[in-house]
């Protein structure tokens, strides 16, 4: 079976987890795919995914083999497997707004001339461009979406910028007969999904939620960039996503609050839920949830890439709503978790 040819925009922690995951699961038979939500999706396995191009701006990554670049500073995602040389050289992309005020001291900008991204995408036969830039890189994310259109590639926006959920961008991909997915990739075991599930479960059992918050603290460059440039935007996205799990109005706050460097690539989430149940009796939940950040993107990205390959095969175009609702915090159409799951399952069945 031909490989699903993917280009990665940004060789940070998420790219490291993705590339390591391809190597890690490539060693096993499908019955040993522990840790994946969907070992097979429409007949496609993780081993069917191949990274064929990558772009970054850091001098410690540009010009290096992708297998070396994923472990270069400031990356701090855990190393779970040795990655053999890939013969994929990381190309220099344009800087634009890819680096924020808080992260510019952590990144060593390469003076290598910018590469012709659209041409490289064509030369490598890239089918799907995956945007893994920091959330504050709005201009850069849109620029790479333009390159995907120019090269005839599907586009996956994992960042918290509005592309798939922007009607104008969705229309452009529809007119180009290309699929689009986004925005703001959800985690495999993320705080937002856990929060929504808790609220849904409580509501189903007759609890009336009055107030709830979810506050995230993390290390890594993405957490620092969020603190610098996108805390308010990401808080709005997460708050809207969490609130959508309730059929009534409650006081909801959800979002990132701070950066702690010694957490490295870890993230701590704090939940507080207050409500009433039988005869107006009060209840409260106060808990902490800890994860490693970068691997949280791996399983979901595997699903998105394979689903987008199916969309390409079926010549689907524009924002692919079932994929967006299933895998992203800010899809074009916000749906309850169970509805999004069912829609995604139907999409896979209908397009296999």
Protein backbone atom coordinates (compact mmCIF):
# COMPACT_ATOMS: atom_id res chain seq x y z
CA UNK A 1 0.00 0.00 0.00
CA UNK A 2 1.41 3.46 -0.88
CA UNK A 3 2.52 5.49 2.12
CA UNK A 4 0.60 8.54 3.35
CA UNK A 5 3.09 11.30 2.58
CA UNK A 6 3.19 13.99 5.27
CA UNK A 7 5.07 17.27 5.74
CA UNK A 8 5.58 18.68 9.24
CA UNK A 9 5.57 22.43 9.81
CA UNK A 10 7.60 23.00 12.96
CA UNK A 11 9.98 20.38 14.37
CA UNK A 12 9.11 20.90 18.03
CA UNK A 13 7.97 18.56 20.78
CA UNK A 14 4.81 17.40 18.98
CA UNK A 15 6.81 16.60 15.85
CA UNK A 16 9.28 14.68 18.03
CA UNK A 17 6.50 12.57 19.54
CA UNK A 18 4.94 11.99 16.11
CA UNK A 19 8.19 10.86 14.45
CA UNK A 20 9.19 8.72 17.42
CA UNK A 21 5.70 7.21 17.48
CA UNK A 22 5.99 6.15 13.84
CA UNK A 23 9.27 4.40 14.65
CA UNK A 24 7.96 2.93 17.92
CA UNK A 25 4.79 1.41 16.48
CA UNK A 26 6.58 0.35 13.31
CA UNK A 27 8.37 -2.30 15.39
CA UNK A 28 5.19 -4.07 16.47
CA UNK A 29 2.44 -6.17 14.99
CA UNK A 30 -1.00 -4.58 15.09
CA UNK A 31 -2.10 -6.60 18.13
CA UNK A 32 0.68 -4.83 20.09
CA UNK A 33 -0.44 -1.29 19.24
CA UNK A 34 -1.04 -0.46 22.91
CA UNK A 35 -1.65 3.25 23.52
CA UNK A 36 -3.39 3.95 20.23
CA UNK A 37 -7.05 4.79 20.13
CA UNK A 38 -7.43 3.34 16.65
CA UNK A 39 -4.73 0.81 15.70
CA UNK A 40 -6.47 0.52 12.34
CA UNK A 41 -8.54 3.21 10.70
CA UNK A 42 -10.20 2.49 7.39
CA UNK A 43 -7.66 -0.28 6.79
CA UNK A 44 -4.74 2.11 7.44
CA UNK A 45 -2.15 1.56 10.17
CA UNK A 46 0.45 3.94 11.65
CA UNK A 47 3.14 2.20 9.58
CA UNK A 48 1.34 3.52 6.48
CA UNK A 49 2.33 7.09 7.44
CA UNK A 50 5.61 8.51 6.14
CA UNK A 51 7.10 11.93 6.86
CA UNK A 52 8.66 13.21 3.64
CA UNK A 53 9.41 16.87 4.49
CA UNK A 54 9.88 19.09 7.53
CA UNK A 55 10.38 22.82 8.12
CA UNK A 56 11.70 24.88 11.03
CA UNK A 57 13.61 28.11 11.77
CA UNK A 58 15.99 27.02 14.58
CA UNK A 59 19.63 26.71 13.53
CA UNK A 60 20.01 23.53 15.63
CA UNK A 61 17.41 21.83 13.41
CA UNK A 62 17.67 23.43 9.96
CA UNK A 63 19.94 21.39 7.69
CA UNK A 64 19.91 18.42 10.06
CA UNK A 65 18.40 15.02 9.45
CA UNK A 66 14.89 14.90 10.90
CA UNK A 67 15.94 12.06 13.24
CA UNK A 68 18.53 14.38 14.81
CA UNK A 69 16.43 17.54 14.74
CA UNK A 70 13.61 16.09 16.85
CA UNK A 71 16.01 15.77 19.80
CA UNK A 72 17.64 19.21 19.39
CA UNK A 73 17.05 21.93 21.96
CA UNK A 74 14.80 23.58 22.91
CA UNK A 75 12.82 20.33 22.45
CA UNK A 76 12.33 18.48 25.72
CA UNK A 77 9.85 15.75 24.80
CA UNK A 78 10.88 12.40 26.29
CA UNK A 79 12.95 10.05 24.16
CA UNK A 80 11.13 6.73 23.88
CA UNK A 81 12.98 5.16 20.97
CA UNK A 82 16.05 5.57 18.80
CA UNK A 83 15.17 7.08 15.46
CA UNK A 84 17.38 5.97 12.55
CA UNK A 85 18.47 8.57 10.03
CA UNK A 86 15.61 9.41 7.68
CA UNK A 87 17.44 11.15 4.80
CA UNK A 88 14.92 13.96 5.32
CA UNK A 89 16.69 17.29 5.78
CA UNK A 90 14.85 19.92 7.80
CA UNK A 91 14.31 22.93 5.54
CA UNK A 92 14.35 26.55 6.60
CA UNK A 93 10.90 28.13 6.60
CA UNK A 94 10.12 31.85 6.89
CA UNK A 95 10.15 33.28 10.42
CA UNK A 96 7.13 35.61 10.13
CA UNK A 97 5.45 35.57 13.57
CA UNK A 98 6.61 32.06 14.47
CA UNK A 99 8.62 33.19 17.50
CA UNK A 100 7.11 35.19 20.36
CA UNK A 101 8.72 37.63 22.79
CA UNK A 102 9.01 35.04 25.56
CA UNK A 103 10.46 32.27 23.36
CA UNK A 104 12.94 34.27 21.25
CA UNK A 105 15.71 33.69 23.82
CA UNK A 106 15.16 29.94 23.59
CA UNK A 107 15.34 29.73 19.79
CA UNK A 108 18.47 30.24 17.69
CA UNK A 109 17.22 31.66 14.39
CA UNK A 110 18.99 30.17 11.37
CA UNK A 111 20.49 32.56 8.80
CA UNK A 112 19.95 29.98 6.06
CA UNK A 113 17.87 31.44 3.21
CA UNK A 114 14.19 30.55 3.27
CA UNK A 115 13.32 27.54 1.15
CA UNK A 116 10.68 27.39 -1.55
CA UNK A 117 8.11 25.55 0.54
CA UNK A 118 5.47 24.96 -2.14
CA UNK A 119 8.10 23.59 -4.51
CA UNK A 120 9.48 21.22 -1.86
CA UNK A 121 5.97 19.98 -1.09
CA UNK A 122 5.51 19.19 -4.78
CA UNK A 123 8.95 17.59 -5.20
CA UNK A 124 8.46 15.30 -2.19
CA UNK A 125 4.96 14.29 -3.26
CA UNK A 126 3.51 15.58 0.01
CA UNK A 127 -0.19 14.83 0.36
CA UNK A 128 -0.92 16.26 3.81
CA UNK A 129 0.67 19.29 5.47
CA UNK A 130 0.47 19.22 9.29
CA UNK A 131 0.87 22.60 10.97
CA UNK A 132 2.59 22.19 14.36
CA UNK A 133 3.66 25.81 14.82
CA UNK A 134 3.15 27.59 18.16
CA UNK A 135 -0.37 28.83 18.77
CA UNK A 136 0.72 32.47 18.50
CA UNK A 137 2.05 31.98 14.96
CA UNK A 138 -1.13 33.15 13.23
CA UNK A 139 0.52 34.78 10.21
CA UNK A 140 2.92 31.88 9.72
CA UNK A 141 0.13 29.29 9.98
CA UNK A 142 -1.86 31.08 7.29
CA UNK A 143 1.23 31.39 5.12
CA UNK A 144 1.78 27.63 5.25
CA UNK A 145 -1.91 27.07 4.46
CA UNK A 146 -1.26 29.13 1.32
CA UNK A 147 1.68 26.87 0.45
CA UNK A 148 -0.50 23.79 0.88
CA UNK A 149 -3.04 25.27 -1.53
CA UNK A 150 -0.31 26.14 -4.02
CA UNK A 151 1.12 22.61 -3.85
CA UNK A 152 -2.26 20.84 -3.95
CA UNK A 153 -2.02 19.38 -0.43
CA UNK A 154 -4.54 18.75 2.32
CA UNK A 155 -3.93 20.89 5.42
CA UNK A 156 -4.20 20.00 9.10
CA UNK A 157 -4.10 22.95 11.51
CA UNK A 158 -3.11 21.64 14.93
CA UNK A 159 -2.51 25.16 16.25
CA UNK A 160 -5.08 27.36 17.99
CA UNK A 161 -5.51 29.65 14.99
CA UNK A 162 -8.73 29.99 13.04
CA UNK A 163 -8.29 28.34 9.65
CA UNK A 164 -10.64 25.36 9.34
CA UNK A 165 -13.21 27.23 11.45
CA UNK A 166 -12.83 30.34 9.27
CA UNK A 167 -15.47 30.22 6.53
CA UNK A 168 -13.26 32.12 4.08
CA UNK A 169 -10.38 29.63 4.43
CA UNK A 170 -12.72 26.65 4.28
CA UNK A 171 -14.16 28.04 1.04
CA UNK A 172 -10.70 28.39 -0.49
CA UNK A 173 -9.89 24.74 0.19
CA UNK A 174 -13.30 23.75 -1.12
CA UNK A 175 -12.68 25.67 -4.34
CA UNK A 176 -9.27 23.95 -4.63
CA UNK A 177 -10.95 20.54 -4.10
CA UNK A 178 -8.72 19.88 -1.10
CA UNK A 179 -9.62 18.73 2.45
CA UNK A 180 -8.95 20.88 5.51
CA UNK A 181 -9.02 19.99 9.24
CA UNK A 182 -8.61 22.02 12.45
CA UNK A 183 -8.43 23.98 14.69
CA UNK A 184 -6.42 23.38 17.92
CA UNK A 185 -5.73 19.67 18.19
CA UNK A 186 -7.33 17.91 21.14
CA UNK A 187 -5.21 15.68 23.38
CA UNK A 188 -5.58 11.91 23.60
CA UNK A 189 -5.94 12.15 27.39
CA UNK A 190 -6.38 15.88 27.64
CA UNK A 191 -7.77 18.05 30.37
CA UNK A 192 -10.49 19.51 28.13
CA UNK A 193 -11.89 16.10 27.21
CA UNK A 194 -11.70 14.89 30.81
CA UNK A 195 -13.45 18.05 32.03
CA UNK A 196 -16.23 17.70 29.45
CA UNK A 197 -16.69 14.02 30.29
CA UNK A 198 -16.96 14.72 34.02
CA UNK A 199 -19.53 17.46 33.46
CA UNK A 200 -21.53 15.27 31.09
CA UNK A 201 -21.52 12.34 33.52
CA UNK A 202 -22.59 14.50 36.43
CA UNK A 203 -25.35 16.15 34.42
CA UNK A 204 -26.65 12.78 33.22
CA UNK A 205 -26.94 11.78 36.88
CA UNK A 206 -29.07 14.80 37.75
CA UNK A 207 -26.37 17.08 39.12
CA UNK A 208 -26.86 20.74 38.27
CA UNK A 209 -23.45 22.33 37.68
CA UNK A 210 -23.20 25.90 38.94
CA UNK A 211 -19.51 26.74 38.55
CA UNK A 212 -16.43 24.99 37.22
CA UNK A 213 -12.88 25.82 36.22
CA UNK A 214 -9.95 24.05 34.59
CA UNK A 215 -6.51 25.64 34.89
CA UNK A 216 -3.41 24.27 33.12
CA UNK A 217 0.26 24.81 34.04
CA UNK A 218 3.04 23.45 31.85
CA UNK A 219 6.65 23.60 30.71
CA UNK A 220 7.99 23.56 27.15
CA UNK A 221 7.98 26.27 24.50
CA UNK A 222 4.28 25.88 23.65
CA UNK A 223 3.26 26.67 27.24
CA UNK A 224 5.59 29.68 27.27
CA UNK A 225 4.27 30.92 23.93
CA UNK A 226 0.70 30.50 25.19
CA UNK A 227 1.50 32.64 28.24
CA UNK A 228 3.03 35.28 25.96
CA UNK A 229 0.60 35.48 23.05
CA UNK A 230 -2.45 33.26 23.10
CA UNK A 231 -3.59 32.73 26.67
CA UNK A 232 -6.80 34.70 26.15
CA UNK A 233 -7.55 33.09 22.78
CA UNK A 234 -6.93 29.56 24.05
CA UNK A 235 -8.96 30.27 27.17
CA UNK A 236 -11.88 31.35 24.97
CA UNK A 237 -11.57 28.21 22.83
CA UNK A 238 -11.32 25.83 25.80
CA UNK A 239 -14.09 27.58 27.73
CA UNK A 240 -16.44 27.35 24.75
CA UNK A 241 -15.53 23.70 24.23
CA UNK A 242 -16.13 22.78 27.89
CA UNK A 243 -19.37 24.77 28.10
CA UNK A 244 -20.71 22.90 25.05
CA UNK A 245 -20.93 19.72 27.15
CA UNK A 246 -23.74 21.24 29.22
CA UNK A 247 -27.28 21.78 27.93
CA UNK A 248 -27.75 24.75 30.25
CA UNK A 249 -25.72 27.82 31.20
CA UNK A 250 -23.18 27.60 34.01
CA UNK A 251 -20.15 29.62 35.06
CA UNK A 252 -17.27 28.01 33.14
CA UNK A 253 -13.60 29.00 32.91
CA UNK A 254 -10.99 26.83 31.20
CA UNK A 255 -7.51 27.64 29.99
CA UNK A 256 -3.76 27.88 30.47
CA UNK A 257 -2.56 30.00 33.37
CA UNK A 258 1.20 29.79 33.71
CA UNK A 259 4.57 28.43 32.58
CA UNK A 260 6.90 26.51 34.92
CA UNK A 261 10.25 25.72 33.30
CA UNK A 262 11.18 22.76 35.50
CA UNK A 263 8.03 20.93 34.43
CA UNK A 264 9.84 20.46 31.09
CA UNK A 265 7.33 18.75 28.76
CA UNK A 266 4.88 17.94 31.55
CA UNK A 267 1.51 19.57 32.16
CA UNK A 268 -0.54 19.77 35.36
CA UNK A 269 -4.27 20.51 35.15
CA UNK A 270 -6.44 21.52 38.09
CA UNK A 271 -10.22 21.03 38.09
CA UNK A 272 -12.87 22.43 40.38
CA UNK A 273 -16.56 21.61 39.93
CA UNK A 274 -19.39 22.86 42.11
CA UNK A 275 -23.07 21.93 41.85
CA UNK A 276 -26.13 20.58 43.58
CA UNK A 277 -28.01 17.28 43.46
CA UNK A 278 -30.99 15.69 45.32
CA UNK A 279 -32.92 18.24 47.45
CA UNK A 280 -30.36 20.91 46.51
CA UNK A 281 -27.57 19.13 48.43
CA UNK A 282 -24.15 20.64 47.53
CA UNK A 283 -21.26 18.76 45.92
CA UNK A 284 -17.73 19.74 44.93
CA UNK A 285 -14.89 18.06 43.05
CA UNK A 286 -11.30 19.27 43.38
CA UNK A 287 -8.62 17.27 41.55
CA UNK A 288 -5.25 17.38 39.79
CA UNK A 289 -4.40 15.66 36.50
CA UNK A 290 -0.81 15.28 35.21
CA UNK A 291 0.40 14.27 31.73
CA UNK A 292 3.41 14.48 29.42
CA UNK A 293 2.44 17.02 26.78
CA UNK A 294 3.96 15.98 23.45
CA UNK A 295 2.84 12.30 23.37
CA UNK A 296 -0.71 13.50 23.94
CA UNK A 297 -0.79 14.66 20.33
CA UNK A 298 0.51 11.44 18.76
CA UNK A 299 -2.49 9.11 18.70
CA UNK A 300 -4.88 11.88 17.64
CA UNK A 301 -2.56 13.01 14.83
CA UNK A 302 -2.27 9.42 13.62
CA UNK A 303 -6.08 9.33 13.37
CA UNK A 304 -6.33 12.73 11.66
CA UNK A 305 -3.65 11.95 9.06
CA UNK A 306 -5.25 8.64 8.14
CA UNK A 307 -8.73 10.19 7.99
CA UNK A 308 -7.45 12.99 5.76
CA UNK A 309 -5.89 10.41 3.44
CA UNK A 310 -9.33 8.85 3.14
CA UNK A 311 -10.78 12.29 2.39
CA UNK A 312 -8.19 12.76 -0.34
CA UNK A 313 -8.98 9.36 -1.83
CA UNK A 314 -12.68 10.27 -1.96
CA UNK A 315 -11.89 13.76 -3.32
CA UNK A 316 -13.66 15.45 -0.40
CA UNK A 317 -13.11 19.19 -0.12
CA UNK A 318 -13.25 22.05 2.34
CA UNK A 319 -13.41 21.62 6.10
CA UNK A 320 -14.08 17.95 6.86
CA UNK A 321 -16.55 18.41 9.71
CA UNK A 322 -16.45 14.84 11.14
CA UNK A 323 -12.65 14.97 11.43
CA UNK A 324 -12.69 18.50 12.85
CA UNK A 325 -15.35 17.72 15.46
CA UNK A 326 -13.61 14.50 16.51
CA UNK A 327 -10.05 15.77 16.86
CA UNK A 328 -10.09 19.51 17.52
CA UNK A 329 -11.15 21.89 20.28
CA UNK A 330 -12.41 24.57 17.88
CA UNK A 331 -14.04 22.82 14.91
CA UNK A 332 -16.27 24.67 12.44
CA UNK A 333 -19.23 22.98 14.13
CA UNK A 334 -19.11 22.42 17.90
CA UNK A 335 -20.72 19.11 18.89
CA UNK A 336 -21.14 17.10 22.11
CA UNK A 337 -18.47 14.41 22.50
CA UNK A 338 -20.78 11.49 21.76
CA UNK A 339 -22.13 13.16 18.61
CA UNK A 340 -18.63 13.90 17.35
CA UNK A 341 -17.57 10.30 18.00
CA UNK A 342 -20.55 8.91 16.12
CA UNK A 343 -20.07 11.28 13.20
CA UNK A 344 -16.40 10.30 12.91
CA UNK A 345 -17.23 6.57 13.00
CA UNK A 346 -19.78 7.05 10.20
CA UNK A 347 -17.22 9.02 8.20
CA UNK A 348 -14.69 6.18 8.43
CA UNK A 349 -17.26 3.53 7.46
CA UNK A 350 -18.63 5.57 4.54
CA UNK A 351 -15.20 6.44 3.13
CA UNK A 352 -13.35 3.14 3.58
